[in-house]
Amino acid sequence: MKKILEVLLYNDLQIDDELGNSAYSKENRRLLHEIIEKRECLETELNDEQKDLLEDLVDSMNQETAHFGDHRFERGFELGVLLMAEVFQDRETFWV
């Protein structure tokens, strides 16, 4: 088993396998199915110009969501590092 720093260094972090059987994964599949149904419904109702506009809107929303997720991950990682620094800084008082 690799150390966490090695996994981060070589970008080998795999979380998809762990999520495959979780409640998150089940909810994610349900939401994806709902998205597909709604998209198919809209495709029958919209003209080509409206479909293109909808596709652009969905792409922009997905990009914003991904950017937001990246930012939250970075901030969470920074918070974890700061927490560890605080623990080691106050190490003498922590164990007393």
C-alpha atoms as a PDB file:
ATOM      1  CA  MET A   1       0.000   0.000   0.000  1.00  0.00           C
ATOM      2  CA  LYS A   2       1.316   3.443  -0.945  1.00  0.00           C
ATOM      3  CA  LYS A   3       1.572   6.305   1.472  1.00  0.00           C
ATOM      4  CA  ILE A   4      -0.910   9.147   1.023  1.00  0.00           C
ATOM      5  CA  LEU A   5       1.811  11.557  -0.104  1.00  0.00           C
ATOM      6  CA  GLU A   6       2.901   9.108  -2.825  1.00  0.00           C
ATOM      7  CA  VAL A   7      -0.673   8.719  -4.029  1.00  0.00           C
ATOM      8  CA  LEU A   8      -1.090  12.496  -4.231  1.00  0.00           C
ATOM      9  CA  LEU A   9       2.322  12.954  -5.858  1.00  0.00           C
ATOM     10  CA  TYR A  10       1.631  10.465  -8.647  1.00  0.00           C
ATOM     11  CA  ASN A  11      -2.058  11.400  -8.984  1.00  0.00           C
ATOM     12  CA  ASP A  12      -3.144   7.833  -8.228  1.00  0.00           C
ATOM     13  CA  LEU A  13      -6.120   8.709  -6.049  1.00  0.00           C
ATOM     14  CA  GLN A  14      -8.947   6.316  -6.919  1.00  0.00           C
ATOM     15  CA  ILE A  15     -12.276   6.979  -5.248  1.00  0.00           C
ATOM     16  CA  ASP A  16     -14.670   5.715  -7.923  1.00  0.00           C
ATOM     17  CA  ASP A  17     -14.388   2.089  -6.816  1.00  0.00           C
ATOM     18  CA  GLU A  18     -15.334   2.999  -3.274  1.00  0.00           C
ATOM     19  CA  LEU A  19     -18.362   4.984  -4.423  1.00  0.00           C
ATOM     20  CA  GLY A  20     -19.699   2.219  -6.665  1.00  0.00           C
ATOM     21  CA  ASN A  21     -21.800   0.504  -4.005  1.00  0.00           C
ATOM     22  CA  SER A  22     -22.567   3.437  -1.772  1.00  0.00           C
ATOM     23  CA  ALA A  23     -25.770   5.372  -1.230  1.00  0.00           C
ATOM     24  CA  TYR A  24     -24.096   8.244  -3.103  1.00  0.00           C
ATOM     25  CA  SER A  25     -23.739   6.050  -6.162  1.00  0.00           C
ATOM     26  CA  LYS A  26     -27.378   4.942  -6.011  1.00  0.00           C
ATOM     27  CA  GLU A  27     -28.576   8.537  -5.720  1.00  0.00           C
ATOM     28  CA  ASN A  28     -26.223   9.555  -8.513  1.00  0.00           C
ATOM     29  CA  ARG A  29     -27.645   6.846 -10.820  1.00  0.00           C
ATOM     30  CA  ARG A  30     -31.187   7.960  -9.976  1.00  0.00           C
ATOM     31  CA  LEU A  31     -30.364  11.567 -10.800  1.00  0.00           C
ATOM     32  CA  LEU A  32     -28.619  10.618 -14.052  1.00  0.00           C
ATOM     33  CA  HIS A  33     -31.662   8.600 -15.098  1.00  0.00           C
ATOM     34  CA  GLU A  34     -33.887  11.590 -14.310  1.00  0.00           C
ATOM     35  CA  ILE A  35     -31.629  13.880 -16.355  1.00  0.00           C
ATOM     36  CA  ILE A  36     -31.764  11.532 -19.349  1.00  0.00           C
ATOM     37  CA  GLU A  37     -35.566  11.328 -19.213  1.00  0.00           C
ATOM     38  CA  LYS A  38     -35.962  15.107 -19.059  1.00  0.00           C
ATOM     39  CA  ARG A  39     -33.426  15.673 -21.813  1.00  0.00           C
ATOM     40  CA  GLU A  40     -35.186  13.190 -24.115  1.00  0.00           C
ATOM     41  CA  CYS A  41     -38.493  14.917 -23.413  1.00  0.00           C
ATOM     42  CA  LEU A  42     -37.033  18.324 -24.267  1.00  0.00           C
ATOM     43  CA  GLU A  43     -35.392  17.044 -27.447  1.00  0.00           C
ATOM     44  CA  THR A  44     -38.797  16.113 -28.843  1.00  0.00           C
ATOM     45  CA  GLU A  45     -40.212  19.561 -28.041  1.00  0.00           C
ATOM     46  CA  LEU A  46     -37.381  21.913 -29.045  1.00  0.00           C
ATOM     47  CA  ASN A  47     -36.240  23.060 -32.465  1.00  0.00           C
ATOM     48  CA  ASP A  48     -32.558  22.810 -33.480  1.00  0.00           C
ATOM     49  CA  GLU A  49     -31.698  26.354 -32.374  1.00  0.00           C
ATOM     50  CA  GLN A  50     -33.293  25.807 -28.972  1.00  0.00           C
ATOM     51  CA  LYS A  51     -31.493  22.460 -28.612  1.00  0.00           C
ATOM     52  CA  ASP A  52     -28.155  24.159 -29.284  1.00  0.00           C
ATOM     53  CA  LEU A  53     -28.943  26.865 -26.740  1.00  0.00           C
ATOM     54  CA  LEU A  54     -29.922  24.245 -24.165  1.00  0.00           C
ATOM     55  CA  GLU A  55     -26.713  22.301 -24.852  1.00  0.00           C
ATOM     56  CA  ASP A  56     -24.648  25.465 -24.346  1.00  0.00           C
ATOM     57  CA  LEU A  57     -26.484  26.195 -21.112  1.00  0.00           C
ATOM     58  CA  VAL A  58     -25.910  22.672 -19.777  1.00  0.00           C
ATOM     59  CA  ASP A  59     -22.212  22.831 -20.735  1.00  0.00           C
ATOM     60  CA  SER A  60     -21.790  26.153 -18.924  1.00  0.00           C
ATOM     61  CA  MET A  61     -23.556  24.843 -15.840  1.00  0.00           C
ATOM     62  CA  ASN A  62     -21.400  21.705 -15.817  1.00  0.00           C
ATOM     63  CA  GLN A  63     -18.230  23.787 -16.102  1.00  0.00           C
ATOM     64  CA  GLU A  64     -19.312  26.016 -13.222  1.00  0.00           C
ATOM     65  CA  THR A  65     -20.177  22.993 -11.082  1.00  0.00           C
ATOM     66  CA  ALA A  66     -16.798  21.390 -11.808  1.00  0.00           C
ATOM     67  CA  HIS A  67     -14.987  24.647 -11.009  1.00  0.00           C
ATOM     68  CA  PHE A  68     -16.917  24.976  -7.739  1.00  0.00           C
ATOM     69  CA  GLY A  69     -16.091  21.358  -6.818  1.00  0.00           C
ATOM     70  CA  ASP A  70     -12.403  21.909  -7.569  1.00  0.00           C
ATOM     71  CA  HIS A  71     -12.399  25.034  -5.407  1.00  0.00           C
ATOM     72  CA  ARG A  72     -14.097  23.241  -2.507  1.00  0.00           C
ATOM     73  CA  PHE A  73     -11.583  20.389  -2.723  1.00  0.00           C
ATOM     74  CA  GLU A  74      -8.659  22.830  -2.669  1.00  0.00           C
ATOM     75  CA  ARG A  75     -10.080  24.732   0.299  1.00  0.00           C
ATOM     76  CA  GLY A  76     -10.794  21.492   2.156  1.00  0.00           C
ATOM     77  CA  PHE A  77      -7.265  20.272   1.546  1.00  0.00           C
ATOM     78  CA  GLU A  78      -5.841  23.589   2.765  1.00  0.00           C
ATOM     79  CA  LEU A  79      -7.995  23.370   5.882  1.00  0.00           C
ATOM     80  CA  GLY A  80      -6.731  19.843   6.545  1.00  0.00           C
ATOM     81  CA  VAL A  81      -3.121  20.980   6.219  1.00  0.00           C
ATOM     82  CA  LEU A  82      -3.736  23.904   8.562  1.00  0.00           C
ATOM     83  CA  LEU A  83      -5.405  21.575  11.052  1.00  0.00           C
ATOM     84  CA  MET A  84      -2.414  19.235  10.997  1.00  0.00           C
ATOM     85  CA  ALA A  85      -0.041  22.186  11.451  1.00  0.00           C
ATOM     86  CA  GLU A  86      -2.061  23.344  14.440  1.00  0.00           C
ATOM     87  CA  VAL A  87      -1.991  19.864  15.976  1.00  0.00           C
ATOM     88  CA  PHE A  88       1.786  19.599  15.628  1.00  0.00           C
ATOM     89  CA  GLN A  89       2.353  23.194  16.776  1.00  0.00           C
ATOM     90  CA  ASP A  90       0.476  22.569  20.037  1.00  0.00           C
ATOM     91  CA  ARG A  91       1.759  19.036  20.434  1.00  0.00           C
ATOM     92  CA  GLU A  92       3.153  19.615  23.929  1.00  0.00           C
ATOM     93  CA  THR A  93      -0.127  20.995  25.276  1.00  0.00           C
ATOM     94  CA  PHE A  94      -2.286  18.463  23.445  1.00  0.00           C
ATOM     95  CA  TRP A  95      -0.927  15.440  25.314  1.00  0.00           C
ATOM     96  CA  VAL A  96      -0.914  17.049  28.747  1.00  0.00           C
END
